[in-house]
């Protein structure tokens, strides 16, 4: 949530809690169901905040039908309820699961060009993953 505050996005406490919970669910699913490297990205444009979790499992996420007594299995139902849109896509090393949230635009920021400056600064940039040797993937992974 530090990055959201750094971007100057004012989501309100309820919406911030929704982002926190969705992030927790998507990351937990990746940790539990996909062994290996997990990466998390947070992106912002003028109308939306996008949370993306990459993991090494090619299996699509699935909603579990649960009973009232089950302690787990409701994660994707929460993601569906709390995000504006969500989905998943296969990747060459597993999959990415994403959730999108609507971002309110403040009128003064939009008029003053501040929003445009923030969006340019927040645009996803190319980056290189640097991993310690002990975490290096085997060739071909």
Protein backbone atom coordinates (compact mmCIF):
# COMPACT_ATOMS: atom_id res chain seq x y z
CA UNK A 1 0.00 0.00 0.00
CA UNK A 2 3.05 2.20 0.29
CA UNK A 3 3.28 2.46 -3.49
CA UNK A 4 -0.39 3.42 -3.80
CA UNK A 5 0.18 6.24 -1.30
CA UNK A 6 3.39 7.27 -3.09
CA UNK A 7 1.43 7.63 -6.34
CA UNK A 8 -0.96 9.96 -4.52
CA UNK A 9 -3.99 7.74 -5.16
CA UNK A 10 -6.75 8.31 -2.63
CA UNK A 11 -8.76 5.11 -2.58
CA UNK A 12 -10.29 5.46 0.86
CA UNK A 13 -9.89 2.94 3.65
CA UNK A 14 -12.53 0.46 2.38
CA UNK A 15 -10.98 0.31 -1.09
CA UNK A 16 -7.45 0.03 0.31
CA UNK A 17 -8.62 -2.87 2.46
CA UNK A 18 -10.14 -4.48 -0.65
CA UNK A 19 -6.80 -4.19 -2.48
CA UNK A 20 -4.99 -5.63 0.56
CA UNK A 21 -7.35 -8.58 0.80
CA UNK A 22 -7.22 -9.36 -2.93
CA UNK A 23 -3.41 -9.13 -2.90
CA UNK A 24 -3.32 -11.47 0.10
CA UNK A 25 -5.62 -13.99 -1.61
CA UNK A 26 -3.75 -14.01 -4.93
CA UNK A 27 -0.34 -14.26 -3.26
CA UNK A 28 -1.53 -16.99 -0.88
CA UNK A 29 -2.94 -18.99 -3.80
CA UNK A 30 0.39 -18.73 -5.61
CA UNK A 31 2.34 -19.81 -2.52
CA UNK A 32 0.03 -22.75 -1.77
CA UNK A 33 -0.59 -24.05 -5.29
CA UNK A 34 2.53 -23.13 -7.27
CA UNK A 35 5.99 -24.13 -6.15
CA UNK A 36 8.76 -21.83 -7.35
CA UNK A 37 9.26 -18.19 -8.19
CA UNK A 38 6.38 -15.78 -7.54
CA UNK A 39 6.45 -12.15 -8.67
CA UNK A 40 3.98 -9.40 -7.89
CA UNK A 41 3.37 -6.24 -9.89
CA UNK A 42 1.26 -3.19 -9.18
CA UNK A 43 0.46 -0.82 -12.05
CA UNK A 44 -1.46 2.43 -12.30
CA UNK A 45 -3.00 4.33 -15.18
CA UNK A 46 -5.56 7.13 -15.27
CA UNK A 47 -8.56 4.92 -14.49
CA UNK A 48 -7.37 1.73 -12.86
CA UNK A 49 -5.00 0.04 -10.47
CA UNK A 50 -3.84 -3.37 -11.66
CA UNK A 51 -2.44 -6.06 -9.36
CA UNK A 52 -0.67 -8.96 -11.12
CA UNK A 53 0.73 -12.11 -9.53
CA UNK A 54 2.95 -14.38 -11.66
CA UNK A 55 3.59 -17.96 -10.56
CA UNK A 56 5.16 -21.10 -11.99
CA UNK A 57 2.05 -23.29 -12.13
CA UNK A 58 0.38 -23.68 -15.53
CA UNK A 59 -2.86 -24.79 -13.85
CA UNK A 60 -5.69 -22.25 -14.07
CA UNK A 61 -7.03 -20.90 -10.79
CA UNK A 62 -10.25 -22.58 -9.76
CA UNK A 63 -13.06 -21.57 -7.49
CA UNK A 64 -13.71 -24.15 -4.82
CA UNK A 65 -17.26 -25.02 -3.92
CA UNK A 66 -17.21 -24.97 -0.14
CA UNK A 67 -19.51 -25.60 2.74
CA UNK A 68 -20.07 -23.08 5.50
CA UNK A 69 -17.69 -25.00 7.76
CA UNK A 70 -14.70 -24.99 5.38
CA UNK A 71 -11.91 -22.62 6.33
CA UNK A 72 -10.56 -22.21 2.80
CA UNK A 73 -11.69 -22.13 -0.80
CA UNK A 74 -13.32 -18.72 -0.88
CA UNK A 75 -10.36 -16.72 -2.17
CA UNK A 76 -11.40 -16.29 -5.79
CA UNK A 77 -14.97 -15.53 -4.73
CA UNK A 78 -13.57 -12.64 -2.66
CA UNK A 79 -11.39 -11.51 -5.57
CA UNK A 80 -14.44 -11.52 -7.85
CA UNK A 81 -16.52 -9.58 -5.34
CA UNK A 82 -13.89 -6.97 -4.39
CA UNK A 83 -12.29 -6.18 -7.75
CA UNK A 84 -13.80 -4.42 -10.76
CA UNK A 85 -12.43 -7.14 -13.07
CA UNK A 86 -10.14 -10.11 -12.67
CA UNK A 87 -8.72 -12.92 -14.73
CA UNK A 88 -5.73 -15.05 -15.56
CA UNK A 89 -3.53 -15.78 -18.55
CA UNK A 90 -1.03 -18.55 -19.23
CA UNK A 91 2.61 -17.52 -19.60
CA UNK A 92 5.63 -19.41 -20.89
CA UNK A 93 6.69 -20.18 -17.29
CA UNK A 94 3.31 -20.63 -15.59
CA UNK A 95 0.53 -18.07 -15.39
CA UNK A 96 -0.39 -14.58 -14.29
CA UNK A 97 -3.48 -13.87 -12.23
CA UNK A 98 -4.69 -10.28 -12.11
CA UNK A 99 -7.26 -8.06 -10.45
CA UNK A 100 -8.24 -4.56 -11.47
CA UNK A 101 -9.58 -1.76 -9.27
CA UNK A 102 -11.21 1.51 -10.34
CA UNK A 103 -9.22 4.59 -9.35
CA UNK A 104 -11.09 7.80 -8.57
CA UNK A 105 -9.65 10.83 -10.36
CA UNK A 106 -9.60 14.05 -8.42
CA UNK A 107 -10.75 17.01 -10.53
CA UNK A 108 -8.00 19.44 -9.41
CA UNK A 109 -5.27 16.88 -10.12
CA UNK A 110 -6.68 16.14 -13.58
CA UNK A 111 -6.92 19.85 -14.47
CA UNK A 112 -3.46 20.71 -13.20
CA UNK A 113 -1.67 18.06 -15.20
CA UNK A 114 -0.50 16.41 -11.99
CA UNK A 115 -2.28 13.20 -12.92
CA UNK A 116 -0.50 13.07 -16.28
CA UNK A 117 2.88 13.50 -14.58
CA UNK A 118 2.10 10.76 -12.07
CA UNK A 119 0.97 8.38 -14.78
CA UNK A 120 4.17 8.87 -16.74
CA UNK A 121 6.23 8.30 -13.61
CA UNK A 122 4.17 5.22 -12.69
CA UNK A 123 4.24 3.60 -16.13
CA UNK A 124 5.64 0.07 -15.96
CA UNK A 125 9.28 0.04 -16.95
CA UNK A 126 11.29 -2.86 -18.28
CA UNK A 127 13.27 -4.52 -15.52
CA UNK A 128 15.59 -7.42 -15.04
CA UNK A 129 15.08 -10.05 -12.37
CA UNK A 130 18.28 -10.56 -10.41
CA UNK A 131 18.22 -13.65 -8.24
CA UNK A 132 20.84 -14.89 -5.79
CA UNK A 133 22.57 -18.06 -7.01
CA UNK A 134 20.77 -20.19 -4.46
CA UNK A 135 17.45 -19.27 -6.12
CA UNK A 136 18.63 -19.67 -9.71
CA UNK A 137 16.30 -21.72 -11.88
CA UNK A 138 17.49 -24.83 -13.63
CA UNK A 139 18.21 -24.34 -17.36
CA UNK A 140 15.04 -24.32 -19.42
CA UNK A 141 12.72 -23.16 -16.64
